[in-house]
Amino acid sequence: MMIDEQDDIEHKLRIADYYESKEKAEQYAYAVAGIKQELKTRIQNLIDDADKAVDPFDIRHIQQLLVKLEDHDGTLRNTIAHVNVVAALCGKPGLSPHQLRGLNRL
Protein backbone atom coordinates (compact mmCIF):
# COMPACT_ATOMS: atom_id res chain seq x y z
CA MET A 1 0.00 0.00 0.00
CA MET A 2 1.34 3.40 -0.91
CA ILE A 3 1.82 6.10 1.71
CA ASP A 4 -0.76 8.38 0.05
CA GLU A 5 -3.38 5.62 0.18
CA GLN A 6 -2.58 4.91 3.82
CA ASP A 7 -2.82 8.63 4.66
CA ASP A 8 -6.16 8.78 2.85
CA ILE A 9 -7.50 5.80 4.81
CA GLU A 10 -6.28 7.28 8.12
CA HIS A 11 -7.90 10.62 7.24
CA LYS A 12 -11.22 8.91 6.47
CA LEU A 13 -11.04 6.99 9.75
CA ARG A 14 -10.43 10.25 11.64
CA ILE A 15 -13.41 11.86 9.92
CA ALA A 16 -15.59 8.87 10.84
CA ASP A 17 -14.33 9.12 14.45
CA TYR A 18 -15.11 12.85 14.42
CA TYR A 19 -18.74 12.38 13.38
CA GLU A 20 -19.26 9.41 15.71
CA SER A 21 -17.82 11.31 18.67
CA LYS A 22 -19.79 14.43 17.82
CA GLU A 23 -22.99 12.37 17.80
CA LYS A 24 -22.07 10.86 21.18
CA ALA A 25 -21.53 14.36 22.57
CA GLU A 26 -24.99 15.37 21.38
CA GLN A 27 -26.50 12.26 22.98
CA TYR A 28 -24.82 13.05 26.30
CA ALA A 29 -26.01 16.66 26.04
CA TYR A 30 -29.59 15.40 25.66
CA ALA A 31 -29.08 13.01 28.60
CA VAL A 32 -27.73 15.85 30.76
CA ALA A 33 -30.74 17.97 29.79
CA GLY A 34 -33.10 15.17 30.77
CA ILE A 35 -31.43 14.68 34.15
CA LYS A 36 -31.51 18.42 34.83
CA GLN A 37 -35.19 18.55 33.95
CA GLU A 38 -35.97 15.63 36.25
CA LEU A 39 -33.99 17.27 39.07
CA LYS A 40 -35.86 20.52 38.53
CA THR A 41 -39.20 18.69 38.70
CA ARG A 42 -38.24 16.70 41.82
CA ILE A 43 -36.98 19.77 43.64
CA GLN A 44 -40.02 21.80 42.64
CA ASN A 45 -42.25 19.02 44.00
CA LEU A 46 -40.41 19.21 47.32
CA ILE A 47 -40.87 22.98 47.39
CA ASP A 48 -44.57 22.70 46.52
CA ASP A 49 -45.07 20.13 49.29
CA ALA A 50 -42.90 21.93 51.84
CA ASP A 51 -45.51 21.48 54.54
CA LYS A 52 -45.34 17.68 54.20
CA ALA A 53 -42.66 15.41 55.62
CA VAL A 54 -39.89 14.71 53.14
CA ASP A 55 -39.86 11.13 51.93
CA PRO A 56 -36.34 9.66 52.25
CA PHE A 57 -36.91 8.01 48.87
CA ASP A 58 -37.17 11.46 47.27
CA ILE A 59 -33.88 12.56 48.84
CA ARG A 60 -32.12 9.35 47.75
CA HIS A 61 -33.49 9.72 44.25
CA ILE A 62 -32.27 13.32 44.02
CA GLN A 63 -28.84 12.23 45.29
CA GLN A 64 -28.73 9.48 42.65
CA LEU A 65 -29.70 11.97 39.96
CA LEU A 66 -26.91 14.33 41.08
CA VAL A 67 -24.35 11.51 40.85
CA LYS A 68 -25.68 10.55 37.42
CA LEU A 69 -25.56 14.19 36.31
CA GLU A 70 -21.95 14.52 37.43
CA ASP A 71 -21.01 11.32 35.58
CA HIS A 72 -22.78 12.29 32.36
CA ASP A 73 -21.42 15.84 32.48
CA GLY A 74 -17.87 14.51 32.87
CA THR A 75 -18.35 12.10 29.99
CA LEU A 76 -19.79 14.91 27.88
CA ARG A 77 -16.76 17.11 28.57
CA ASN A 78 -14.35 14.25 27.77
CA THR A 79 -16.21 13.51 24.55
CA ILE A 80 -16.07 17.17 23.52
CA ALA A 81 -12.32 17.17 24.19
CA HIS A 82 -11.94 14.07 22.01
CA VAL A 83 -14.00 15.66 19.23
CA ASN A 84 -11.71 18.69 19.31
CA VAL A 85 -8.54 16.60 19.10
CA VAL A 86 -9.89 14.64 16.14
CA ALA A 87 -11.27 17.82 14.53
CA ALA A 88 -7.80 19.38 14.59
CA LEU A 89 -6.35 16.28 12.92
CA CYS A 90 -8.87 16.13 10.10
CA GLY A 91 -9.63 19.80 9.48
CA LYS A 92 -13.17 19.80 10.86
CA PRO A 93 -14.62 22.47 13.17
CA GLY A 94 -14.23 21.93 16.88
CA LEU A 95 -17.07 21.61 19.34
CA SER A 96 -17.74 23.61 22.48
CA PRO A 97 -20.13 23.16 25.39
CA HIS A 98 -21.70 26.45 24.28
CA GLN A 99 -22.71 24.88 20.95
CA LEU A 100 -24.50 22.10 22.82
CA ARG A 101 -26.09 24.43 25.37
CA GLY A 102 -29.40 24.46 23.52
CA LEU A 103 -29.53 20.68 23.89
CA ASN A 104 -29.02 20.68 27.65
CA ARG A 105 -30.92 23.71 28.92
CA LEU A 106 -33.42 23.54 31.72
C-alpha atoms as a PDB file:
ATOM      1  CA  MET A   1       0.000   0.000   0.000  1.00  0.00           C
ATOM      2  CA  MET A   2       1.341   3.404  -0.907  1.00  0.00           C
ATOM      3  CA  ILE A   3       1.817   6.100   1.711  1.00  0.00           C
ATOM      4  CA  ASP A   4      -0.765   8.379   0.049  1.00  0.00           C
ATOM      5  CA  GLU A   5      -3.381   5.618   0.179  1.00  0.00           C
ATOM      6  CA  GLN A   6      -2.576   4.913   3.822  1.00  0.00           C
ATOM      7  CA  ASP A   7      -2.818   8.625   4.659  1.00  0.00           C
ATOM      8  CA  ASP A   8      -6.164   8.784   2.853  1.00  0.00           C
ATOM      9  CA  ILE A   9      -7.498   5.804   4.815  1.00  0.00           C
ATOM     10  CA  GLU A  10      -6.285   7.284   8.118  1.00  0.00           C
ATOM     11  CA  HIS A  11      -7.903  10.616   7.235  1.00  0.00           C
ATOM     12  CA  LYS A  12     -11.222   8.906   6.470  1.00  0.00           C
ATOM     13  CA  LEU A  13     -11.038   6.993   9.752  1.00  0.00           C
ATOM     14  CA  ARG A  14     -10.434  10.245  11.638  1.00  0.00           C
ATOM     15  CA  ILE A  15     -13.411  11.865   9.918  1.00  0.00           C
ATOM     16  CA  ALA A  16     -15.590   8.874  10.845  1.00  0.00           C
ATOM     17  CA  ASP A  17     -14.332   9.120  14.446  1.00  0.00           C
ATOM     18  CA  TYR A  18     -15.113  12.847  14.420  1.00  0.00           C
ATOM     19  CA  TYR A  19     -18.738  12.381  13.379  1.00  0.00           C
ATOM     20  CA  GLU A  20     -19.262   9.411  15.706  1.00  0.00           C
ATOM     21  CA  SER A  21     -17.818  11.308  18.671  1.00  0.00           C
ATOM     22  CA  LYS A  22     -19.791  14.434  17.824  1.00  0.00           C
ATOM     23  CA  GLU A  23     -22.987  12.370  17.795  1.00  0.00           C
ATOM     24  CA  LYS A  24     -22.072  10.859  21.178  1.00  0.00           C
ATOM     25  CA  ALA A  25     -21.533  14.364  22.574  1.00  0.00           C
ATOM     26  CA  GLU A  26     -24.989  15.373  21.377  1.00  0.00           C
ATOM     27  CA  GLN A  27     -26.504  12.260  22.977  1.00  0.00           C
ATOM     28  CA  TYR A  28     -24.816  13.051  26.295  1.00  0.00           C
ATOM     29  CA  ALA A  29     -26.009  16.660  26.042  1.00  0.00           C
ATOM     30  CA  TYR A  30     -29.589  15.396  25.662  1.00  0.00           C
ATOM     31  CA  ALA A  31     -29.075  13.015  28.599  1.00  0.00           C
ATOM     32  CA  VAL A  32     -27.732  15.847  30.757  1.00  0.00           C
ATOM     33  CA  ALA A  33     -30.745  17.966  29.789  1.00  0.00           C
ATOM     34  CA  GLY A  34     -33.104  15.167  30.774  1.00  0.00           C
ATOM     35  CA  ILE A  35     -31.433  14.677  34.147  1.00  0.00           C
ATOM     36  CA  LYS A  36     -31.513  18.423  34.828  1.00  0.00           C
ATOM     37  CA  GLN A  37     -35.193  18.553  33.951  1.00  0.00           C
ATOM     38  CA  GLU A  38     -35.969  15.627  36.254  1.00  0.00           C
ATOM     39  CA  LEU A  39     -33.989  17.270  39.067  1.00  0.00           C
ATOM     40  CA  LYS A  40     -35.859  20.515  38.525  1.00  0.00           C
ATOM     41  CA  THR A  41     -39.195  18.695  38.704  1.00  0.00           C
ATOM     42  CA  ARG A  42     -38.245  16.703  41.816  1.00  0.00           C
ATOM     43  CA  ILE A  43     -36.976  19.770  43.642  1.00  0.00           C
ATOM     44  CA  GLN A  44     -40.025  21.802  42.641  1.00  0.00           C
ATOM     45  CA  ASN A  45     -42.253  19.021  43.999  1.00  0.00           C
ATOM     46  CA  LEU A  46     -40.408  19.210  47.325  1.00  0.00           C
ATOM     47  CA  ILE A  47     -40.872  22.982  47.390  1.00  0.00           C
ATOM     48  CA  ASP A  48     -44.568  22.695  46.521  1.00  0.00           C
ATOM     49  CA  ASP A  49     -45.067  20.127  49.294  1.00  0.00           C
ATOM     50  CA  ALA A  50     -42.895  21.927  51.838  1.00  0.00           C
ATOM     51  CA  ASP A  51     -45.513  21.482  54.542  1.00  0.00           C
ATOM     52  CA  LYS A  52     -45.340  17.678  54.197  1.00  0.00           C
ATOM     53  CA  ALA A  53     -42.660  15.412  55.625  1.00  0.00           C
ATOM     54  CA  VAL A  54     -39.891  14.709  53.136  1.00  0.00           C
ATOM     55  CA  ASP A  55     -39.857  11.129  51.925  1.00  0.00           C
ATOM     56  CA  PRO A  56     -36.337   9.659  52.254  1.00  0.00           C
ATOM     57  CA  PHE A  57     -36.908   8.014  48.871  1.00  0.00           C
ATOM     58  CA  ASP A  58     -37.168  11.465  47.269  1.00  0.00           C
ATOM     59  CA  ILE A  59     -33.885  12.555  48.842  1.00  0.00           C
ATOM     60  CA  ARG A  60     -32.116   9.351  47.750  1.00  0.00           C
ATOM     61  CA  HIS A  61     -33.491   9.724  44.246  1.00  0.00           C
ATOM     62  CA  ILE A  62     -32.265  13.317  44.022  1.00  0.00           C
ATOM     63  CA  GLN A  63     -28.841  12.230  45.288  1.00  0.00           C
ATOM     64  CA  GLN A  64     -28.727   9.482  42.648  1.00  0.00           C
ATOM     65  CA  LEU A  65     -29.695  11.975  39.958  1.00  0.00           C
ATOM     66  CA  LEU A  66     -26.911  14.326  41.077  1.00  0.00           C
ATOM     67  CA  VAL A  67     -24.346  11.513  40.850  1.00  0.00           C
ATOM     68  CA  LYS A  68     -25.681  10.552  37.424  1.00  0.00           C
ATOM     69  CA  LEU A  69     -25.564  14.192  36.310  1.00  0.00           C
ATOM     70  CA  GLU A  70     -21.954  14.523  37.432  1.00  0.00           C
ATOM     71  CA  ASP A  71     -21.013  11.320  35.584  1.00  0.00           C
ATOM     72  CA  HIS A  72     -22.779  12.286  32.356  1.00  0.00           C
ATOM     73  CA  ASP A  73     -21.423  15.841  32.478  1.00  0.00           C
ATOM     74  CA  GLY A  74     -17.869  14.513  32.871  1.00  0.00           C
ATOM     75  CA  THR A  75     -18.349  12.103  29.994  1.00  0.00           C
ATOM     76  CA  LEU A  76     -19.793  14.908  27.881  1.00  0.00           C
ATOM     77  CA  ARG A  77     -16.756  17.107  28.570  1.00  0.00           C
ATOM     78  CA  ASN A  78     -14.345  14.253  27.766  1.00  0.00           C
ATOM     79  CA  THR A  79     -16.211  13.507  24.549  1.00  0.00           C
ATOM     80  CA  ILE A  80     -16.070  17.173  23.520  1.00  0.00           C
ATOM     81  CA  ALA A  81     -12.318  17.173  24.194  1.00  0.00           C
ATOM     82  CA  HIS A  82     -11.938  14.073  22.010  1.00  0.00           C
ATOM     83  CA  VAL A  83     -14.001  15.662  19.226  1.00  0.00           C
ATOM     84  CA  ASN A  84     -11.712  18.695  19.306  1.00  0.00           C
ATOM     85  CA  VAL A  85      -8.536  16.596  19.096  1.00  0.00           C
ATOM     86  CA  VAL A  86      -9.890  14.640  16.143  1.00  0.00           C
ATOM     87  CA  ALA A  87     -11.266  17.820  14.534  1.00  0.00           C
ATOM     88  CA  ALA A  88      -7.802  19.377  14.593  1.00  0.00           C
ATOM     89  CA  LEU A  89      -6.348  16.283  12.925  1.00  0.00           C
ATOM     90  CA  CYS A  90      -8.875  16.125  10.096  1.00  0.00           C
ATOM     91  CA  GLY A  91      -9.633  19.798   9.479  1.00  0.00           C
ATOM     92  CA  LYS A  92     -13.169  19.803  10.862  1.00  0.00           C
ATOM     93  CA  PRO A  93     -14.617  22.469  13.171  1.00  0.00           C
ATOM     94  CA  GLY A  94     -14.232  21.929  16.883  1.00  0.00           C
ATOM     95  CA  LEU A  95     -17.073  21.613  19.344  1.00  0.00           C
ATOM     96  CA  SER A  96     -17.740  23.612  22.482  1.00  0.00           C
ATOM     97  CA  PRO A  97     -20.135  23.162  25.392  1.00  0.00           C
ATOM     98  CA  HIS A  98     -21.704  26.453  24.280  1.00  0.00           C
ATOM     99  CA  GLN A  99     -22.707  24.879  20.953  1.00  0.00           C
ATOM    100  CA  LEU A 100     -24.504  22.095  22.817  1.00  0.00           C
ATOM    101  CA  ARG A 101     -26.089  24.429  25.367  1.00  0.00           C
ATOM    102  CA  GLY A 102     -29.396  24.459  23.518  1.00  0.00           C
ATOM    103  CA  LEU A 103     -29.529  20.683  23.893  1.00  0.00           C
ATOM    104  CA  ASN A 104     -29.023  20.676  27.650  1.00  0.00           C
ATOM    105  CA  ARG A 105     -30.922  23.708  28.923  1.00  0.00           C
ATOM    106  CA  LEU A 106     -33.422  23.537  31.723  1.00  0.00           C
END
